[in-house]
Amino acid sequence: MTTHSPMYIIGYLNKTLEIMQIDRDVLMNLQELQEDVAEHFTDENFPMSGEVYWTAVECLATAKLAELRGELVADEV
């Protein structure tokens, strides 16, 4: 049986700079899921490039993190 060391992510948690821990296997599963979603989404919305897709995801993630930190109130649709 192999053991994997955890991965550490530095970021803000509850408005405080924190070191967060995530299991390496969980992180790899998340990465694979995101890459599958990116491939499917760009194939379905051709001619969207991967760079446009990941830039949009980066913007959405930045906005979501600001919302979770209470720095931004999302508009209701």
Protein backbone atom coordinates (compact mmCIF):
# COMPACT_ATOMS: atom_id res chain seq x y z
CA MET A 1 0.00 0.00 0.00
CA THR A 2 1.36 3.40 -0.93
CA THR A 3 0.70 6.51 1.07
CA HIS A 4 0.49 9.91 -0.49
CA SER A 5 1.64 13.04 1.19
CA PRO A 6 -0.95 15.79 1.40
CA MET A 7 -0.79 18.86 -0.81
CA TYR A 8 -0.84 22.29 0.75
CA ILE A 9 -2.57 25.31 -0.73
CA ILE A 10 -1.97 28.82 0.51
CA GLY A 11 -5.02 31.04 0.29
CA TYR A 12 -7.58 32.99 2.23
CA LEU A 13 -9.98 31.14 4.48
CA ASN A 14 -12.43 33.22 6.51
CA LYS A 15 -10.53 36.38 5.49
CA THR A 16 -7.29 35.04 7.00
CA LEU A 17 -4.30 33.82 5.02
CA GLU A 18 -4.19 30.11 5.73
CA ILE A 19 -2.37 27.02 4.62
CA MET A 20 -5.06 24.54 3.57
CA GLN A 21 -4.47 20.83 3.18
CA ILE A 22 -5.91 18.62 0.46
CA ASP A 23 -5.17 14.97 -0.19
CA ARG A 24 -3.05 14.48 -3.31
CA ASP A 25 -5.49 11.89 -4.74
CA VAL A 26 -8.44 14.22 -4.18
CA LEU A 27 -6.58 17.04 -5.90
CA MET A 28 -5.75 14.80 -8.85
CA ASN A 29 -9.41 13.74 -9.11
CA LEU A 30 -10.46 17.39 -9.08
CA GLN A 31 -7.94 18.23 -11.79
CA GLU A 32 -9.09 15.35 -13.98
CA LEU A 33 -12.74 16.35 -13.52
CA GLN A 34 -12.00 19.97 -14.45
CA GLU A 35 -10.06 18.93 -17.54
CA ASP A 36 -12.92 16.64 -18.63
CA VAL A 37 -15.42 19.49 -18.14
CA ALA A 38 -13.17 21.85 -20.11
CA GLU A 39 -12.87 19.43 -23.00
CA HIS A 40 -16.62 18.75 -23.12
CA PHE A 41 -17.56 22.44 -22.80
CA THR A 42 -15.15 23.66 -25.49
CA ASP A 43 -16.24 20.85 -27.84
CA GLU A 44 -19.90 21.78 -27.34
CA ASN A 45 -19.25 25.52 -27.70
CA PHE A 46 -16.86 25.42 -30.63
CA PRO A 47 -14.89 27.54 -31.57
CA MET A 48 -14.11 28.36 -27.90
CA SER A 49 -10.42 27.81 -27.21
CA GLY A 50 -9.08 26.21 -24.07
CA GLU A 51 -7.41 29.49 -23.18
CA VAL A 52 -10.72 31.38 -23.34
CA TYR A 53 -12.40 28.66 -21.27
CA TRP A 54 -9.75 28.64 -18.53
CA THR A 55 -9.63 32.45 -18.43
CA ALA A 56 -13.40 32.52 -17.92
CA VAL A 57 -13.12 29.86 -15.18
CA GLU A 58 -10.39 31.92 -13.49
CA CYS A 59 -12.66 34.99 -13.49
CA LEU A 60 -15.60 33.00 -12.15
CA ALA A 61 -13.42 31.45 -9.43
CA THR A 62 -12.08 34.85 -8.40
CA ALA A 63 -15.63 36.22 -8.13
CA LYS A 64 -16.83 33.15 -6.19
CA LEU A 65 -13.95 33.43 -3.72
CA ALA A 66 -14.73 37.13 -3.18
CA GLU A 67 -18.37 36.20 -2.57
CA LEU A 68 -17.41 33.48 -0.06
CA ARG A 69 -15.20 35.97 1.78
CA GLY A 70 -18.04 38.48 1.98
CA GLU A 71 -16.25 40.91 -0.31
CA LEU A 72 -18.91 40.66 -3.01
CA VAL A 73 -22.63 40.13 -3.02
CA ALA A 74 -23.76 38.12 -6.04
CA ASP A 75 -26.73 39.44 -7.99
CA GLU A 76 -29.73 37.18 -7.94
CA VAL A 77 -31.05 36.14 -11.32
